[in-house]
C-alpha atoms as a PDB file:
ATOM      1  CA  UNK A   1     -16.742  20.778 112.716  1.00  0.00           C
ATOM      2  CA  UNK A   2     -17.478  18.420 115.599  1.00  0.00           C
ATOM      3  CA  UNK A   3     -20.877  18.464 117.269  1.00  0.00           C
ATOM      4  CA  UNK A   4     -19.352  17.673 120.654  1.00  0.00           C
ATOM      5  CA  UNK A   5     -17.634  19.695 123.376  1.00  0.00           C
ATOM      6  CA  UNK A   6     -15.408  18.295 126.135  1.00  0.00           C
ATOM      7  CA  UNK A   7     -17.030  18.386 129.567  1.00  0.00           C
ATOM      8  CA  UNK A   8     -14.908  16.157 131.829  1.00  0.00           C
ATOM      9  CA  UNK A   9     -11.331  14.986 131.442  1.00  0.00           C
ATOM     10  CA  UNK A  10     -10.088  11.466 132.180  1.00  0.00           C
ATOM     11  CA  UNK A  11      -9.120  12.182 135.796  1.00  0.00           C
ATOM     12  CA  UNK A  12     -12.570  13.606 136.588  1.00  0.00           C
ATOM     13  CA  UNK A  13     -14.246  10.557 135.112  1.00  0.00           C
ATOM     14  CA  UNK A  14     -11.990   8.050 136.867  1.00  0.00           C
ATOM     15  CA  UNK A  15     -12.553   9.726 140.234  1.00  0.00           C
ATOM     16  CA  UNK A  16     -16.297   9.940 139.630  1.00  0.00           C
ATOM     17  CA  UNK A  17     -16.629   6.230 138.857  1.00  0.00           C
ATOM     18  CA  UNK A  18     -14.439   5.215 141.792  1.00  0.00           C
ATOM     19  CA  UNK A  19     -16.748   7.291 144.006  1.00  0.00           C
ATOM     20  CA  UNK A  20     -19.830   5.732 142.380  1.00  0.00           C
ATOM     21  CA  UNK A  21     -18.602   2.124 142.691  1.00  0.00           C
ATOM     22  CA  UNK A  22     -17.432   2.490 146.288  1.00  0.00           C
ATOM     23  CA  UNK A  23     -20.669   4.304 147.207  1.00  0.00           C
ATOM     24  CA  UNK A  24     -22.738   1.324 146.122  1.00  0.00           C
ATOM     25  CA  UNK A  25     -20.336  -1.075 147.854  1.00  0.00           C
ATOM     26  CA  UNK A  26     -20.816   0.981 151.018  1.00  0.00           C
ATOM     27  CA  UNK A  27     -24.568   0.987 150.507  1.00  0.00           C
ATOM     28  CA  UNK A  28     -24.823  -2.787 150.107  1.00  0.00           C
ATOM     29  CA  UNK A  29     -22.339  -3.608 152.861  1.00  0.00           C
ATOM     30  CA  UNK A  30     -23.597  -0.950 155.254  1.00  0.00           C
ATOM     31  CA  UNK A  31     -27.328  -1.505 154.976  1.00  0.00           C
ATOM     32  CA  UNK A  32     -26.961  -4.696 157.025  1.00  0.00           C
ATOM     33  CA  UNK A  33     -25.511  -2.569 159.828  1.00  0.00           C
ATOM     34  CA  UNK A  34     -28.198   0.080 159.429  1.00  0.00           C
ATOM     35  CA  UNK A  35     -31.142  -2.192 160.285  1.00  0.00           C
ATOM     36  CA  UNK A  36     -31.488  -5.851 161.273  1.00  0.00           C
ATOM     37  CA  UNK A  37     -34.115  -6.265 158.529  1.00  0.00           C
ATOM     38  CA  UNK A  38     -31.356  -5.966 155.923  1.00  0.00           C
ATOM     39  CA  UNK A  39     -28.875  -8.261 157.679  1.00  0.00           C
ATOM     40  CA  UNK A  40     -29.208 -10.770 154.816  1.00  0.00           C
ATOM     41  CA  UNK A  41     -27.352  -8.390 152.494  1.00  0.00           C
ATOM     42  CA  UNK A  42     -24.127  -9.520 154.166  1.00  0.00           C
ATOM     43  CA  UNK A  43     -24.467 -12.773 152.232  1.00  0.00           C
ATOM     44  CA  UNK A  44     -23.433 -10.814 149.117  1.00  0.00           C
ATOM     45  CA  UNK A  45     -19.967 -10.555 150.647  1.00  0.00           C
ATOM     46  CA  UNK A  46     -19.741 -14.009 152.200  1.00  0.00           C
ATOM     47  CA  UNK A  47     -20.993 -13.116 155.664  1.00  0.00           C
ATOM     48  CA  UNK A  48     -21.103 -10.348 158.287  1.00  0.00           C
ATOM     49  CA  UNK A  49     -17.351 -10.255 158.955  1.00  0.00           C
ATOM     50  CA  UNK A  50     -16.451  -9.983 155.268  1.00  0.00           C
ATOM     51  CA  UNK A  51     -19.220  -7.418 154.699  1.00  0.00           C
ATOM     52  CA  UNK A  52     -17.951  -5.224 157.511  1.00  0.00           C
ATOM     53  CA  UNK A  53     -14.391  -5.387 156.177  1.00  0.00           C
ATOM     54  CA  UNK A  54     -15.589  -4.438 152.692  1.00  0.00           C
ATOM     55  CA  UNK A  55     -17.484  -1.532 154.257  1.00  0.00           C
ATOM     56  CA  UNK A  56     -14.432  -0.294 156.129  1.00  0.00           C
ATOM     57  CA  UNK A  57     -11.956  -0.445 153.247  1.00  0.00           C
ATOM     58  CA  UNK A  58     -14.423   0.776 150.624  1.00  0.00           C
ATOM     59  CA  UNK A  59     -15.054   3.690 152.993  1.00  0.00           C
ATOM     60  CA  UNK A  60     -11.386   4.678 152.891  1.00  0.00           C
ATOM     61  CA  UNK A  61     -11.275   4.598 149.081  1.00  0.00           C
ATOM     62  CA  UNK A  62     -14.593   6.465 148.878  1.00  0.00           C
ATOM     63  CA  UNK A  63     -13.420   9.143 151.299  1.00  0.00           C
ATOM     64  CA  UNK A  64     -10.149   9.855 149.479  1.00  0.00           C
ATOM     65  CA  UNK A  65     -11.613   9.852 145.952  1.00  0.00           C
ATOM     66  CA  UNK A  66     -14.691  11.830 146.982  1.00  0.00           C
ATOM     67  CA  UNK A  67     -12.616  14.546 148.670  1.00  0.00           C
ATOM     68  CA  UNK A  68     -10.324  14.775 145.622  1.00  0.00           C
ATOM     69  CA  UNK A  69     -13.319  15.066 143.286  1.00  0.00           C
ATOM     70  CA  UNK A  70     -14.911  17.683 145.543  1.00  0.00           C
ATOM     71  CA  UNK A  71     -11.739  19.786 145.576  1.00  0.00           C
ATOM     72  CA  UNK A  72     -11.365  19.539 141.801  1.00  0.00           C
ATOM     73  CA  UNK A  73     -14.805  21.090 141.277  1.00  0.00           C
ATOM     74  CA  UNK A  74     -14.885  23.403 144.284  1.00  0.00           C
ATOM     75  CA  UNK A  75     -14.078  26.447 142.153  1.00  0.00           C
ATOM     76  CA  UNK A  76     -17.350  25.911 140.285  1.00  0.00           C
ATOM     77  CA  UNK A  77     -19.619  24.574 143.011  1.00  0.00           C
ATOM     78  CA  UNK A  78     -19.178  27.170 145.744  1.00  0.00           C
ATOM     79  CA  UNK A  79     -20.019  30.185 143.556  1.00  0.00           C
ATOM     80  CA  UNK A  80     -23.696  31.119 143.230  1.00  0.00           C
ATOM     81  CA  UNK A  81     -24.780  34.058 141.064  1.00  0.00           C
ATOM     82  CA  UNK A  82     -28.178  35.622 140.332  1.00  0.00           C
ATOM     83  CA  UNK A  83     -29.032  32.948 137.755  1.00  0.00           C
ATOM     84  CA  UNK A  84     -28.260  30.224 140.292  1.00  0.00           C
ATOM     85  CA  UNK A  85     -30.545  31.873 142.824  1.00  0.00           C
ATOM     86  CA  UNK A  86     -33.302  32.074 140.206  1.00  0.00           C
ATOM     87  CA  UNK A  87     -32.766  28.389 139.423  1.00  0.00           C
ATOM     88  CA  UNK A  88     -33.168  27.487 143.111  1.00  0.00           C
ATOM     89  CA  UNK A  89     -36.345  29.571 143.496  1.00  0.00           C
ATOM     90  CA  UNK A  90     -37.862  27.887 140.436  1.00  0.00           C
ATOM     91  CA  UNK A  91     -36.400  24.454 141.329  1.00  0.00           C
ATOM     92  CA  UNK A  92     -34.771  24.381 137.912  1.00  0.00           C
ATOM     93  CA  UNK A  93     -38.173  24.354 136.244  1.00  0.00           C
ATOM     94  CA  UNK A  94     -38.668  20.676 137.106  1.00  0.00           C
ATOM     95  CA  UNK A  95     -41.904  21.451 138.931  1.00  0.00           C
ATOM     96  CA  UNK A  96     -43.342  23.577 136.131  1.00  0.00           C
ATOM     97  CA  UNK A  97     -44.651  22.738 132.679  1.00  0.00           C
ATOM     98  CA  UNK A  98     -43.305  26.021 131.357  1.00  0.00           C
ATOM     99  CA  UNK A  99     -39.803  26.140 129.944  1.00  0.00           C
ATOM    100  CA  UNK A 100     -37.634  28.136 132.351  1.00  0.00           C
ATOM    101  CA  UNK A 101     -34.462  28.612 130.297  1.00  0.00           C
ATOM    102  CA  UNK A 102     -32.338  29.955 133.149  1.00  0.00           C
ATOM    103  CA  UNK A 103     -28.701  30.325 131.975  1.00  0.00           C
ATOM    104  CA  UNK A 104     -26.292  28.120 133.933  1.00  0.00           C
ATOM    105  CA  UNK A 105     -22.567  27.541 134.178  1.00  0.00           C
ATOM    106  CA  UNK A 106     -20.763  24.210 133.964  1.00  0.00           C
ATOM    107  CA  UNK A 107     -22.937  22.966 136.828  1.00  0.00           C
ATOM    108  CA  UNK A 108     -26.459  24.136 137.480  1.00  0.00           C
ATOM    109  CA  UNK A 109     -27.448  25.310 140.942  1.00  0.00           C
ATOM    110  CA  UNK A 110     -28.895  21.917 141.855  1.00  0.00           C
ATOM    111  CA  UNK A 111     -25.659  20.158 140.924  1.00  0.00           C
ATOM    112  CA  UNK A 112     -23.716  22.708 142.968  1.00  0.00           C
ATOM    113  CA  UNK A 113     -25.907  22.079 146.004  1.00  0.00           C
ATOM    114  CA  UNK A 114     -25.496  18.343 145.550  1.00  0.00           C
ATOM    115  CA  UNK A 115     -21.730  18.713 145.234  1.00  0.00           C
ATOM    116  CA  UNK A 116     -21.507  20.809 148.402  1.00  0.00           C
ATOM    117  CA  UNK A 117     -23.738  18.393 150.291  1.00  0.00           C
ATOM    118  CA  UNK A 118     -21.723  15.410 149.042  1.00  0.00           C
ATOM    119  CA  UNK A 119     -18.520  17.066 150.253  1.00  0.00           C
ATOM    120  CA  UNK A 120     -20.013  17.780 153.687  1.00  0.00           C
ATOM    121  CA  UNK A 121     -21.520  14.294 153.947  1.00  0.00           C
ATOM    122  CA  UNK A 122     -18.205  12.695 152.988  1.00  0.00           C
ATOM    123  CA  UNK A 123     -16.374  14.563 155.753  1.00  0.00           C
ATOM    124  CA  UNK A 124     -19.044  13.787 158.368  1.00  0.00           C
ATOM    125  CA  UNK A 125     -19.318  10.121 157.419  1.00  0.00           C
ATOM    126  CA  UNK A 126     -15.550   9.779 157.213  1.00  0.00           C
ATOM    127  CA  UNK A 127     -15.012  11.228 160.691  1.00  0.00           C
ATOM    128  CA  UNK A 128     -17.864   9.294 162.283  1.00  0.00           C
ATOM    129  CA  UNK A 129     -16.793   6.143 160.440  1.00  0.00           C
ATOM    130  CA  UNK A 130     -13.309   6.514 161.892  1.00  0.00           C
ATOM    131  CA  UNK A 131     -14.802   6.619 165.397  1.00  0.00           C
ATOM    132  CA  UNK A 132     -17.107   3.668 164.717  1.00  0.00           C
ATOM    133  CA  UNK A 133     -14.198   1.636 163.267  1.00  0.00           C
ATOM    134  CA  UNK A 134     -12.813   1.137 166.793  1.00  0.00           C
ATOM    135  CA  UNK A 135     -15.522   2.246 169.233  1.00  0.00           C
ATOM    136  CA  UNK A 136     -13.519   1.071 172.273  1.00  0.00           C
ATOM    137  CA  UNK A 137     -11.007   3.873 171.641  1.00  0.00           C
ATOM    138  CA  UNK A 138     -13.617   6.564 172.303  1.00  0.00           C
ATOM    139  CA  UNK A 139     -16.220   7.379 174.920  1.00  0.00           C
ATOM    140  CA  UNK A 140     -19.583   5.638 174.756  1.00  0.00           C
ATOM    141  CA  UNK A 141     -21.375   8.960 174.262  1.00  0.00           C
ATOM    142  CA  UNK A 142     -19.174   9.959 171.318  1.00  0.00           C
ATOM    143  CA  UNK A 143     -19.561   6.536 169.712  1.00  0.00           C
ATOM    144  CA  UNK A 144     -23.351   6.605 170.053  1.00  0.00           C
ATOM    145  CA  UNK A 145     -23.522  10.142 168.661  1.00  0.00           C
ATOM    146  CA  UNK A 146     -21.284   9.098 165.749  1.00  0.00           C
ATOM    147  CA  UNK A 147     -23.521   6.108 165.004  1.00  0.00           C
ATOM    148  CA  UNK A 148     -26.592   8.354 164.958  1.00  0.00           C
ATOM    149  CA  UNK A 149     -24.909  10.956 162.741  1.00  0.00           C
ATOM    150  CA  UNK A 150     -23.486   8.294 160.416  1.00  0.00           C
ATOM    151  CA  UNK A 151     -26.932   6.746 159.966  1.00  0.00           C
ATOM    152  CA  UNK A 152     -28.634  10.105 159.416  1.00  0.00           C
ATOM    153  CA  UNK A 153     -26.174  11.190 156.732  1.00  0.00           C
ATOM    154  CA  UNK A 154     -26.326   7.730 155.152  1.00  0.00           C
ATOM    155  CA  UNK A 155     -30.094   8.195 154.720  1.00  0.00           C
ATOM    156  CA  UNK A 156     -29.752  11.728 153.333  1.00  0.00           C
ATOM    157  CA  UNK A 157     -26.894  10.708 151.027  1.00  0.00           C
ATOM    158  CA  UNK A 158     -28.880   7.776 149.675  1.00  0.00           C
ATOM    159  CA  UNK A 159     -31.894  10.020 148.900  1.00  0.00           C
ATOM    160  CA  UNK A 160     -29.663  12.632 147.259  1.00  0.00           C
ATOM    161  CA  UNK A 161     -27.933   9.960 145.189  1.00  0.00           C
ATOM    162  CA  UNK A 162     -31.243   8.586 143.876  1.00  0.00           C
ATOM    163  CA  UNK A 163     -32.192  12.083 142.703  1.00  0.00           C
ATOM    164  CA  UNK A 164     -28.713  12.616 141.253  1.00  0.00           C
ATOM    165  CA  UNK A 165     -28.792   9.362 139.260  1.00  0.00           C
ATOM    166  CA  UNK A 166     -32.293  10.057 137.943  1.00  0.00           C
ATOM    167  CA  UNK A 167     -31.478  13.607 136.799  1.00  0.00           C
ATOM    168  CA  UNK A 168     -28.219  12.457 135.197  1.00  0.00           C
ATOM    169  CA  UNK A 169     -30.008   9.784 133.166  1.00  0.00           C
ATOM    170  CA  UNK A 170     -33.743   9.772 132.450  1.00  0.00           C
ATOM    171  CA  UNK A 171     -34.335  13.260 133.805  1.00  0.00           C
ATOM    172  CA  UNK A 172     -31.885  14.923 131.428  1.00  0.00           C
ATOM    173  CA  UNK A 173     -30.965  12.697 128.468  1.00  0.00           C
ATOM    174  CA  UNK A 174     -27.437  13.244 127.220  1.00  0.00           C
ATOM    175  CA  UNK A 175     -26.018  14.179 130.626  1.00  0.00           C
ATOM    176  CA  UNK A 176     -24.487  10.782 131.380  1.00  0.00           C
ATOM    177  CA  UNK A 177     -22.430  10.851 128.177  1.00  0.00           C
ATOM    178  CA  UNK A 178     -20.273  13.565 129.698  1.00  0.00           C
ATOM    179  CA  UNK A 179     -19.196  11.260 132.513  1.00  0.00           C
ATOM    180  CA  UNK A 180     -18.918   8.191 130.295  1.00  0.00           C
ATOM    181  CA  UNK A 181     -16.990   9.555 127.322  1.00  0.00           C
ATOM    182  CA  UNK A 182     -15.945  13.021 128.512  1.00  0.00           C
ATOM    183  CA  UNK A 183     -17.994  15.019 126.014  1.00  0.00           C
ATOM    184  CA  UNK A 184     -21.561  16.180 125.435  1.00  0.00           C
ATOM    185  CA  UNK A 185     -23.265  17.480 122.335  1.00  0.00           C
ATOM    186  CA  UNK A 186     -23.213  21.190 121.687  1.00  0.00           C
ATOM    187  CA  UNK A 187     -27.008  21.116 121.659  1.00  0.00           C
ATOM    188  CA  UNK A 188     -26.980  19.689 125.195  1.00  0.00           C
ATOM    189  CA  UNK A 189     -24.457  22.287 126.343  1.00  0.00           C
ATOM    190  CA  UNK A 190     -26.486  25.171 124.932  1.00  0.00           C
ATOM    191  CA  UNK A 191     -29.626  23.896 126.648  1.00  0.00           C
ATOM    192  CA  UNK A 192     -28.255  22.912 130.055  1.00  0.00           C
ATOM    193  CA  UNK A 193     -25.065  24.951 130.537  1.00  0.00           C
ATOM    194  CA  UNK A 194     -25.288  27.914 128.197  1.00  0.00           C
ATOM    195  CA  UNK A 195     -22.906  30.194 130.118  1.00  0.00           C
ATOM    196  CA  UNK A 196     -20.289  27.445 130.339  1.00  0.00           C
ATOM    197  CA  UNK A 197     -20.696  26.669 126.637  1.00  0.00           C
ATOM    198  CA  UNK A 198     -20.219  30.336 125.732  1.00  0.00           C
ATOM    199  CA  UNK A 199     -16.916  30.347 127.627  1.00  0.00           C
ATOM    200  CA  UNK A 200     -15.821  27.141 125.933  1.00  0.00           C
ATOM    201  CA  UNK A 201     -16.515  28.578 122.503  1.00  0.00           C
ATOM    202  CA  UNK A 202     -14.490  31.710 123.254  1.00  0.00           C
ATOM    203  CA  UNK A 203     -11.504  29.838 124.686  1.00  0.00           C
END
């Protein structure tokens, strides 16, 4: 009997890694636009013009793949039950030395919140990015507002991504395997997603 259980199929993993790669391309190419202090990052792409083009086209790929990934998991992420609300109140037990042991589904409440935020941020940054792409086609006020909103969500998205990466690696060992190989150990599933694991066993 195998000690593993499937968590993500090939399509989920491909979309996730396209989102991850394009996110970091956007980060490195966009940070030079965010503040003059980071203008030197454009050298990674051969100069400002090339960096801006990478940012624009990586943004299109990121937007499409991120929306598809969001829609694929929407059935799980938008539903919050009593256990999810308990998880949020206790911050998943990360701020306590006591073991919380709150039963969770395929995604815990924190992952659901991140998923919903990522979906919202993708839409906002996609729409504002479209306006910024050709600012002469829109009013000055709308362009300036879009720049402000784009920068604000860039900052929030970057903070959320740092937390996401930490919790998916060092914070919760064994989590990353699900997105690398598609499966996690049964021990991991029982500990982190007990309600989802129970459904998997019954199916």
